[in-house]
């Protein structure tokens, strides 16, 4: 099953996709997998992004587990108004 990761704005551009599926793991492990898939630009985006799952907000260094079947949103800072 895995974790569905939805990428928005700059994260979508860096990843080259709106959604990817990754094996379940900690937030830090998921971020490492995203960087492997998206490269240096994804690392830059993740450094300033919030990660949302089940009403909680995480940062990439977080060791909290994200179990199978969850959806994790990568939310870079948004501009506009």
N, C-alpha and C. Protein backbone atom coordinates (compact mmCIF):
# COMPACT_ATOMS: atom_id res chain seq x y z
N UNK A 1 0.84 -1.18 0.00
CA UNK A 1 0.00 0.00 0.00
C UNK A 1 0.88 1.24 0.00
N UNK A 2 1.47 1.65 1.07
CA UNK A 2 2.36 2.80 1.12
C UNK A 2 1.66 4.08 1.52
N UNK A 3 2.40 5.17 1.38
CA UNK A 3 1.92 6.51 1.72
C UNK A 3 1.78 7.30 0.43
N UNK A 4 0.64 7.91 0.24
CA UNK A 4 0.43 8.78 -0.91
C UNK A 4 0.96 10.16 -0.53
N UNK A 5 1.91 10.68 -1.30
CA UNK A 5 2.48 12.00 -1.06
C UNK A 5 1.98 12.93 -2.15
N UNK A 6 1.28 13.98 -1.72
CA UNK A 6 0.78 14.97 -2.67
C UNK A 6 1.68 16.20 -2.60
N UNK A 7 2.16 16.63 -3.76
CA UNK A 7 3.08 17.76 -3.85
C UNK A 7 2.35 18.96 -4.43
N UNK A 8 2.51 20.10 -3.80
CA UNK A 8 1.85 21.32 -4.23
C UNK A 8 2.88 22.38 -4.61
N UNK A 9 2.51 23.26 -5.54
CA UNK A 9 3.29 24.44 -5.94
C UNK A 9 4.73 24.05 -6.29
N UNK A 10 5.71 24.66 -5.60
CA UNK A 10 7.12 24.41 -5.92
C UNK A 10 7.51 22.95 -5.71
N UNK A 11 6.87 22.27 -4.79
CA UNK A 11 7.16 20.84 -4.57
C UNK A 11 6.73 20.02 -5.79
N UNK A 12 5.61 20.36 -6.37
CA UNK A 12 5.14 19.67 -7.58
C UNK A 12 6.13 19.90 -8.72
N UNK A 13 6.58 21.13 -8.85
CA UNK A 13 7.53 21.46 -9.91
C UNK A 13 8.85 20.70 -9.70
N UNK A 14 9.35 20.69 -8.48
CA UNK A 14 10.61 20.01 -8.19
C UNK A 14 10.50 18.50 -8.39
N UNK A 15 9.38 17.92 -8.01
CA UNK A 15 9.19 16.48 -8.12
C UNK A 15 8.86 16.07 -9.55
N UNK A 16 8.25 16.99 -10.30
CA UNK A 16 7.83 16.64 -11.65
C UNK A 16 6.56 15.83 -11.67
N UNK A 17 5.85 15.82 -10.54
CA UNK A 17 4.60 15.06 -10.42
C UNK A 17 3.78 15.64 -9.27
N UNK A 18 2.48 15.53 -9.40
CA UNK A 18 1.59 16.01 -8.34
C UNK A 18 1.50 15.02 -7.19
N UNK A 19 1.67 13.74 -7.48
CA UNK A 19 1.55 12.70 -6.46
C UNK A 19 2.57 11.59 -6.70
N UNK A 20 3.07 11.05 -5.61
CA UNK A 20 3.92 9.86 -5.66
C UNK A 20 3.53 8.95 -4.52
N UNK A 21 3.79 7.68 -4.67
CA UNK A 21 3.54 6.72 -3.61
C UNK A 21 4.88 6.20 -3.11
N UNK A 22 5.05 6.23 -1.79
CA UNK A 22 6.29 5.79 -1.16
C UNK A 22 5.97 4.77 -0.07
N UNK A 23 6.94 3.92 0.26
CA UNK A 23 6.73 3.01 1.38
C UNK A 23 6.54 3.78 2.68
N UNK A 24 5.72 3.26 3.55
CA UNK A 24 5.50 3.89 4.85
C UNK A 24 6.81 3.95 5.63
N UNK A 25 6.91 4.94 6.49
CA UNK A 25 8.09 5.10 7.32
C UNK A 25 7.95 6.37 8.13
N UNK A 26 9.05 6.83 8.69
CA UNK A 26 9.01 8.08 9.44
C UNK A 26 8.95 9.25 8.45
N UNK A 27 8.59 10.41 8.96
CA UNK A 27 8.59 11.61 8.13
C UNK A 27 9.98 11.82 7.55
N UNK A 28 11.02 11.64 8.35
CA UNK A 28 12.40 11.82 7.88
C UNK A 28 12.72 10.84 6.75
N UNK A 29 12.27 9.60 6.87
CA UNK A 29 12.52 8.62 5.81
C UNK A 29 11.77 8.98 4.53
N UNK A 30 10.55 9.47 4.69
CA UNK A 30 9.79 9.88 3.51
C UNK A 30 10.45 11.07 2.83
N UNK A 31 10.96 12.01 3.60
CA UNK A 31 11.67 13.16 3.02
C UNK A 31 12.92 12.70 2.28
N UNK A 32 13.65 11.77 2.85
CA UNK A 32 14.85 11.25 2.19
C UNK A 32 14.48 10.61 0.85
N UNK A 33 13.39 9.87 0.82
CA UNK A 33 12.94 9.23 -0.42
C UNK A 33 12.51 10.29 -1.44
N UNK A 34 11.87 11.36 -0.98
CA UNK A 34 11.47 12.43 -1.88
C UNK A 34 12.69 13.13 -2.48
N UNK A 35 13.72 13.33 -1.67
CA UNK A 35 14.94 13.96 -2.16
C UNK A 35 15.64 13.05 -3.16
N UNK A 36 15.66 11.76 -2.90
CA UNK A 36 16.25 10.82 -3.86
C UNK A 36 15.51 10.89 -5.19
N UNK A 37 14.20 10.98 -5.13
CA UNK A 37 13.39 11.01 -6.36
C UNK A 37 13.43 12.37 -7.05
N UNK A 38 13.47 13.46 -6.28
CA UNK A 38 13.35 14.79 -6.85
C UNK A 38 14.65 15.56 -6.98
N UNK A 39 15.70 15.09 -6.35
CA UNK A 39 17.00 15.73 -6.49
C UNK A 39 17.20 16.96 -5.63
N UNK A 40 18.25 17.72 -5.96
CA UNK A 40 18.64 18.87 -5.14
C UNK A 40 17.54 19.92 -5.01
N UNK A 41 16.79 20.15 -6.07
CA UNK A 41 15.72 21.17 -5.98
C UNK A 41 14.67 20.74 -4.96
N UNK A 42 14.36 19.44 -4.91
CA UNK A 42 13.38 18.95 -3.94
C UNK A 42 13.91 19.13 -2.52
N UNK A 43 15.20 18.94 -2.32
CA UNK A 43 15.79 19.16 -1.00
C UNK A 43 15.61 20.61 -0.57
N UNK A 44 15.81 21.55 -1.50
CA UNK A 44 15.62 22.97 -1.18
C UNK A 44 14.17 23.26 -0.81
N UNK A 45 13.25 22.70 -1.56
CA UNK A 45 11.83 22.93 -1.30
C UNK A 45 11.43 22.34 0.05
N UNK A 46 11.87 21.12 0.32
CA UNK A 46 11.51 20.47 1.59
C UNK A 46 12.06 21.22 2.79
N UNK A 47 13.20 21.88 2.62
CA UNK A 47 13.81 22.62 3.74
C UNK A 47 12.91 23.75 4.24
N UNK A 48 12.02 24.25 3.39
CA UNK A 48 11.15 25.36 3.78
C UNK A 48 9.67 24.96 3.81
N UNK A 49 9.39 23.69 3.61
CA UNK A 49 8.00 23.22 3.51
C UNK A 49 7.48 22.69 4.83
N UNK A 50 6.16 22.71 4.94
CA UNK A 50 5.46 22.00 6.01
C UNK A 50 4.89 20.72 5.39
N UNK A 51 4.79 19.70 6.20
CA UNK A 51 4.24 18.43 5.77
C UNK A 51 3.01 18.16 6.63
N UNK A 52 1.89 17.95 6.00
CA UNK A 52 0.64 17.77 6.73
C UNK A 52 0.09 16.36 6.53
N UNK A 53 -0.33 15.76 7.64
CA UNK A 53 -0.92 14.42 7.60
C UNK A 53 -1.87 14.27 8.79
N UNK A 54 -3.11 13.93 8.48
CA UNK A 54 -4.09 13.67 9.54
C UNK A 54 -4.23 14.84 10.52
N UNK A 55 -4.19 16.07 10.00
CA UNK A 55 -4.37 17.24 10.84
C UNK A 55 -3.15 17.67 11.63
N UNK A 56 -2.03 17.00 11.43
CA UNK A 56 -0.78 17.37 12.12
C UNK A 56 0.19 17.94 11.12
N UNK A 57 1.05 18.84 11.58
CA UNK A 57 2.07 19.45 10.74
C UNK A 57 3.44 18.95 11.20
N UNK A 58 4.26 18.56 10.24
CA UNK A 58 5.60 18.02 10.50
C UNK A 58 6.63 18.81 9.72
N UNK A 59 7.89 18.63 10.08
CA UNK A 59 9.05 19.11 9.32
C UNK A 59 9.87 17.87 8.95
N UNK A 60 10.76 18.02 8.01
CA UNK A 60 11.47 16.85 7.46
C UNK A 60 12.30 16.06 8.48
N UNK A 61 12.83 16.66 9.48
CA UNK A 61 13.65 15.93 10.44
C UNK A 61 12.86 15.11 11.44
N UNK A 62 11.55 15.20 11.39
CA UNK A 62 10.69 14.53 12.37
C UNK A 62 10.76 13.01 12.20
N UNK A 63 10.89 12.31 13.31
CA UNK A 63 10.94 10.85 13.28
C UNK A 63 9.57 10.19 13.50
N UNK A 64 8.51 10.98 13.51
CA UNK A 64 7.17 10.42 13.68
C UNK A 64 6.83 9.47 12.54
N UNK A 65 6.20 8.34 12.85
CA UNK A 65 5.85 7.40 11.78
C UNK A 65 4.61 7.86 11.01
N UNK A 66 4.62 7.60 9.72
CA UNK A 66 3.45 7.79 8.87
C UNK A 66 3.09 6.39 8.35
N UNK A 67 2.00 5.81 8.85
CA UNK A 67 1.68 4.43 8.49
C UNK A 67 1.10 4.29 7.09
N UNK A 68 1.09 3.04 6.63
CA UNK A 68 0.46 2.71 5.35
C UNK A 68 -0.94 3.30 5.25
N UNK A 69 -1.28 3.72 4.05
CA UNK A 69 -2.62 4.19 3.77
C UNK A 69 -2.85 5.66 4.04
N UNK A 70 -1.86 6.36 4.60
CA UNK A 70 -2.03 7.77 4.90
C UNK A 70 -1.70 8.64 3.69
N UNK A 71 -2.16 9.88 3.73
CA UNK A 71 -1.84 10.88 2.71
C UNK A 71 -1.02 11.97 3.39
N UNK A 72 0.14 12.27 2.81
CA UNK A 72 1.04 13.30 3.33
C UNK A 72 1.11 14.41 2.29
N UNK A 73 0.79 15.63 2.68
CA UNK A 73 0.84 16.77 1.78
C UNK A 73 2.12 17.56 2.01
N UNK A 74 2.83 17.86 0.92
CA UNK A 74 4.02 18.70 0.97
C UNK A 74 3.57 20.12 0.60
N UNK A 75 3.67 21.02 1.58
CA UNK A 75 3.14 22.38 1.43
C UNK A 75 4.27 23.41 1.53
N UNK A 76 4.81 23.82 0.38
CA UNK A 76 5.81 24.87 0.43
C UNK A 76 5.14 26.20 0.78
N UNK A 77 5.93 27.21 1.15
CA UNK A 77 5.33 28.53 1.41
C UNK A 77 4.60 29.02 0.15
N UNK A 78 3.44 29.57 0.35
CA UNK A 78 2.65 30.09 -0.77
C UNK A 78 2.72 31.61 -0.75
N UNK A 79 2.71 32.21 -1.91
CA UNK A 79 2.69 33.66 -2.02
C UNK A 79 1.39 34.07 -2.72
N UNK A 80 1.05 35.29 -2.56
CA UNK A 80 -0.15 35.77 -3.23
C UNK A 80 -1.07 36.45 -2.24
N UNK A 81 -2.21 36.79 -2.71
CA UNK A 81 -3.11 37.44 -1.78
C UNK A 81 -4.23 37.98 -2.45
